[in-house]
């Protein structure tokens, strides 16, 4: 049967419309058009800010391990941290006032490793008694009753540290889609940013990836969520038991 002019016109019109839809639809199908920034994500970007915070806190608590790096300001002092943490221990480096030292916690036992300059400063001496030299480069056992234990053990405790950090202050709100080291994120804020900001992963588990603390109290990035590592007691030859109290800064 030969198509009528009217039929050919209708088919042509339909084909033109379909072609136009296909061309314009490429961006939608590939996610490049920006029509839905949450397409292909874990979906938390569509939730209210308080629900996003609840989900990211639950994800962080459930993760067996994490690495965090950045700055924390506490009691007027800035600490640069690069720590790996899990439930039964933690390890990493801390820098404060130009001095860097290593922390290692295995179970409840905390060790601190630093050079003689650190111990000279901590002890407030010129090292004439030889103490700093004896502690130089050694893992020093930190007694649980020592002020240094309370001061530094929190840096090695995943639960304590995250509980203290992953809290935004004030009214929560979302602040658009962002990117953290190539991972798309949704940002939530407290009091429009003055109460801190937190970037939450939109890929896979909604882990926190970047935190800006309220009051210019530091910025931290989080990575290696769930990546296990080993913490072991240092060898006896590499360990010094200083006694009941360490030199303090």
Protein backbone atom coordinates (compact mmCIF):
# COMPACT_ATOMS: atom_id res chain seq x y z
CA UNK A 1 0.00 0.00 0.00
CA UNK A 2 1.36 3.42 -0.95
CA UNK A 3 1.55 5.90 1.92
CA UNK A 4 -0.52 9.04 1.57
CA UNK A 5 1.16 12.45 1.71
CA UNK A 6 -0.49 13.00 5.08
CA UNK A 7 0.92 9.72 6.43
CA UNK A 8 4.40 10.54 5.21
CA UNK A 9 4.14 13.94 6.86
CA UNK A 10 3.12 12.40 10.20
CA UNK A 11 5.96 9.86 10.06
CA UNK A 12 8.44 12.58 9.22
CA UNK A 13 7.20 14.69 12.11
CA UNK A 14 7.50 11.75 14.52
CA UNK A 15 11.00 10.88 13.34
CA UNK A 16 12.11 14.50 13.69
CA UNK A 17 10.76 14.62 17.24
CA UNK A 18 12.44 11.32 18.15
CA UNK A 19 15.76 12.44 16.72
CA UNK A 20 15.57 15.69 18.64
CA UNK A 21 14.75 13.76 21.82
CA UNK A 22 17.66 11.39 21.23
CA UNK A 23 20.09 14.24 20.69
CA UNK A 24 18.94 16.25 23.68
CA UNK A 25 18.54 13.09 25.76
CA UNK A 26 22.20 12.12 25.51
CA UNK A 27 23.05 14.52 28.31
CA UNK A 28 20.26 13.11 30.47
CA UNK A 29 21.23 9.50 29.83
CA UNK A 30 24.89 10.11 30.57
CA UNK A 31 24.20 12.31 33.57
CA UNK A 32 26.01 15.28 32.02
CA UNK A 33 23.07 17.58 31.72
CA UNK A 34 22.89 18.42 35.39
CA UNK A 35 19.13 17.74 35.47
CA UNK A 36 19.55 15.36 38.42
CA UNK A 37 22.86 15.64 40.31
CA UNK A 38 21.84 12.66 42.44
CA UNK A 39 21.40 10.29 39.49
CA UNK A 40 23.63 7.27 39.98
CA UNK A 41 24.55 8.23 43.55
CA UNK A 42 23.72 6.60 46.88
CA UNK A 43 20.73 8.94 47.17
CA UNK A 44 21.57 10.70 50.42
CA UNK A 45 21.81 14.03 48.58
CA UNK A 46 18.02 14.06 48.35
CA UNK A 47 17.55 13.78 52.11
CA UNK A 48 17.11 16.57 54.66
CA UNK A 49 20.33 17.68 56.36
CA UNK A 50 19.53 16.07 59.71
CA UNK A 51 18.96 12.69 58.05
CA UNK A 52 22.21 13.02 56.10
CA UNK A 53 24.07 13.73 59.32
CA UNK A 54 22.46 10.74 61.02
CA UNK A 55 23.39 8.42 58.16
CA UNK A 56 26.99 9.61 57.93
CA UNK A 57 27.46 9.31 61.70
CA UNK A 58 26.07 5.76 61.60
CA UNK A 59 28.37 4.89 58.69
CA UNK A 60 31.41 6.33 60.47
CA UNK A 61 30.60 4.50 63.71
CA UNK A 62 30.13 1.18 61.88
CA UNK A 63 33.35 1.42 59.84
CA UNK A 64 36.10 -0.73 61.35
CA UNK A 65 38.86 1.74 60.47
CA UNK A 66 39.57 5.22 59.09
CA UNK A 67 42.43 7.57 58.31
CA UNK A 68 42.14 11.24 59.13
CA UNK A 69 44.50 14.07 58.33
CA UNK A 70 44.42 17.79 58.96
CA UNK A 71 44.35 20.28 61.78
CA UNK A 72 42.54 20.38 65.10
CA UNK A 73 42.58 23.40 67.39
CA UNK A 74 41.95 22.61 71.03
CA UNK A 75 42.67 24.62 74.19
CA UNK A 76 44.24 27.31 72.03
CA UNK A 77 46.81 24.97 70.49
CA UNK A 78 46.85 23.71 66.89
CA UNK A 79 47.65 20.05 66.24
CA UNK A 80 48.39 18.67 62.78
CA UNK A 81 47.20 15.07 62.70
CA UNK A 82 47.80 12.15 60.37
CA UNK A 83 46.23 9.21 62.16
CA UNK A 84 44.90 5.75 61.34
CA UNK A 85 42.28 4.59 63.81
CA UNK A 86 40.25 1.53 64.65
CA UNK A 87 38.40 0.14 67.66
CA UNK A 88 41.36 -1.47 69.40
CA UNK A 89 44.08 1.04 68.63
CA UNK A 90 45.54 3.73 66.48
CA UNK A 91 48.81 5.02 65.09
CA UNK A 92 50.13 8.12 63.39
CA UNK A 93 51.89 11.43 63.77
CA UNK A 94 51.04 14.66 65.56
CA UNK A 95 52.74 18.01 65.06
CA UNK A 96 52.33 20.92 67.47
CA UNK A 97 54.39 24.06 67.97
CA UNK A 98 56.96 22.85 65.49
CA UNK A 99 57.51 19.50 67.19
CA UNK A 100 56.41 16.19 65.66
CA UNK A 101 55.88 12.99 67.61
CA UNK A 102 54.42 9.56 66.93
CA UNK A 103 51.52 8.05 68.82
CA UNK A 104 50.72 4.36 69.05
CA UNK A 105 47.92 2.80 71.07
CA UNK A 106 47.50 -0.95 71.38
CA UNK A 107 44.44 -1.74 73.45
CA UNK A 108 44.70 0.56 76.47
CA UNK A 109 48.47 0.98 76.28
CA UNK A 110 49.62 4.28 74.78
CA UNK A 111 53.13 4.90 73.47
CA UNK A 112 54.74 8.18 72.48
CA UNK A 113 57.82 8.35 70.27
CA UNK A 114 59.78 11.56 69.73
CA UNK A 115 63.28 12.96 69.37
CA UNK A 116 65.41 14.50 72.10
CA UNK A 117 64.36 18.05 71.19
CA UNK A 118 60.76 17.17 72.00
CA UNK A 119 61.71 15.67 75.36
CA UNK A 120 63.98 18.59 76.21
CA UNK A 121 61.07 20.95 75.60
CA UNK A 122 58.60 18.69 77.45
CA UNK A 123 60.85 18.41 80.46
CA UNK A 124 61.77 22.07 80.48
CA UNK A 125 65.44 21.14 80.81
CA UNK A 126 68.58 21.38 78.76
CA UNK A 127 68.93 17.63 78.74
CA UNK A 128 71.86 17.70 81.12
CA UNK A 129 70.53 14.75 83.09
CA UNK A 130 70.54 12.63 79.94
CA UNK A 131 66.82 11.91 80.09
CA UNK A 132 66.11 13.32 76.63
CA UNK A 133 68.88 11.25 75.12
CA UNK A 134 67.53 8.07 76.68
CA UNK A 135 64.04 8.74 75.31
CA UNK A 136 65.20 9.89 71.87
CA UNK A 137 63.60 7.78 69.14
CA UNK A 138 62.14 5.27 71.59
CA UNK A 139 58.53 4.26 72.20
CA UNK A 140 57.86 5.57 75.69
CA UNK A 141 55.07 3.92 77.66
CA UNK A 142 52.59 6.53 78.84
CA UNK A 143 51.08 5.65 82.25
CA UNK A 144 47.28 5.89 82.25
CA UNK A 145 47.40 8.22 85.25
CA UNK A 146 49.78 10.62 83.54
CA UNK A 147 48.37 13.92 82.17
CA UNK A 148 49.92 13.08 78.80
CA UNK A 149 47.70 10.00 78.56
CA UNK A 150 44.53 12.02 78.86
CA UNK A 151 45.94 14.70 76.57
CA UNK A 152 47.00 12.43 73.70
CA UNK A 153 45.08 9.15 73.94
CA UNK A 154 42.00 10.75 72.39
CA UNK A 155 43.97 11.30 69.18
CA UNK A 156 44.27 7.50 68.89
CA UNK A 157 40.69 6.61 69.83
CA UNK A 158 38.33 6.34 66.85
CA UNK A 159 35.13 6.52 68.87
CA UNK A 160 36.21 9.42 71.09
CA UNK A 161 37.73 11.43 68.27
CA UNK A 162 34.85 11.06 65.83
CA UNK A 163 32.26 11.74 68.52
CA UNK A 164 34.01 15.00 69.26
CA UNK A 165 34.52 15.99 65.64
CA UNK A 166 31.50 14.93 63.59
CA UNK A 167 29.07 17.35 65.17
CA UNK A 168 27.83 20.48 63.44
CA UNK A 169 26.46 23.25 65.62
CA UNK A 170 23.26 25.19 65.08
CA UNK A 171 20.56 24.74 62.47
CA UNK A 172 21.43 22.13 59.86
CA UNK A 173 21.00 22.71 56.13
CA UNK A 174 22.32 21.35 52.85
CA UNK A 175 24.71 23.47 50.80
CA UNK A 176 24.77 21.89 47.38
CA UNK A 177 26.80 19.25 45.59
CA UNK A 178 30.60 19.38 45.72
CA UNK A 179 33.64 17.25 45.02
CA UNK A 180 36.27 15.89 47.36
CA UNK A 181 39.35 14.43 45.65
CA UNK A 182 37.27 13.20 42.74
CA UNK A 183 34.35 11.87 44.81
CA UNK A 184 31.01 13.69 44.51
CA UNK A 185 29.68 14.90 47.85
CA UNK A 186 26.71 16.60 49.41
CA UNK A 187 27.63 19.32 51.88
CA UNK A 188 25.73 19.96 55.08
CA UNK A 189 26.25 23.00 57.26
CA UNK A 190 25.50 24.22 60.75
CA UNK A 191 24.15 27.78 60.95
CA UNK A 192 25.02 28.46 57.30
CA UNK A 193 28.62 27.40 57.85
CA UNK A 194 29.45 29.23 61.06
CA UNK A 195 28.66 26.00 62.93
CA UNK A 196 30.89 23.93 60.65
CA UNK A 197 30.53 22.12 57.32
CA UNK A 198 30.70 18.44 56.45
CA UNK A 199 31.07 16.88 52.99
CA UNK A 200 29.44 13.44 52.73
CA UNK A 201 30.21 10.92 50.01
CA UNK A 202 27.57 10.36 47.34
CA UNK A 203 29.31 7.19 46.19
CA UNK A 204 28.77 3.93 48.02
CA UNK A 205 28.52 4.25 51.79
CA UNK A 206 27.81 7.85 52.87
CA UNK A 207 31.05 8.35 54.78
CA UNK A 208 32.18 11.82 55.87
CA UNK A 209 35.05 12.99 53.66
CA UNK A 210 35.86 16.52 54.74
CA UNK A 211 35.08 18.51 57.87
CA UNK A 212 35.54 22.21 58.51
CA UNK A 213 35.05 22.77 62.22
CA UNK A 214 33.14 25.67 63.69
CA UNK A 215 35.04 28.68 64.95
CA UNK A 216 38.10 28.06 62.76
CA UNK A 217 38.92 25.07 64.95
CA UNK A 218 40.49 23.04 62.16
CA UNK A 219 39.90 21.21 58.90
CA UNK A 220 40.13 17.44 58.47
CA UNK A 221 39.86 14.99 55.59
CA UNK A 222 38.81 11.37 56.04
CA UNK A 223 39.88 8.44 53.88
CA UNK A 224 40.55 4.68 53.89
CA UNK A 225 37.20 3.99 55.50
CA UNK A 226 37.02 0.30 56.40
CA UNK A 227 40.62 -0.40 55.34
CA UNK A 228 42.09 -2.49 58.14
CA UNK A 229 45.62 -2.17 59.48
CA UNK A 230 47.66 -3.75 62.27
CA UNK A 231 48.75 -2.23 65.56
CA UNK A 232 51.34 -4.22 67.50
CA UNK A 233 53.37 -3.66 70.63
CA UNK A 234 56.83 -2.29 69.83
CA UNK A 235 59.79 -4.49 70.64
CA UNK A 236 61.29 -4.31 74.12
CA UNK A 237 64.55 -3.00 72.67
CA UNK A 238 62.62 -0.09 71.17
CA UNK A 239 60.60 0.68 74.31
CA UNK A 240 61.32 2.73 77.46
CA UNK A 241 59.16 2.53 80.57
CA UNK A 242 59.74 5.97 82.05
CA UNK A 243 57.81 5.31 85.24
CA UNK A 244 54.77 6.84 86.82
CA UNK A 245 54.94 10.26 85.19
CA UNK A 246 56.45 11.61 81.99
CA UNK A 247 58.00 15.02 81.47
CA UNK A 248 55.15 17.35 80.52
CA UNK A 249 54.97 20.37 78.28
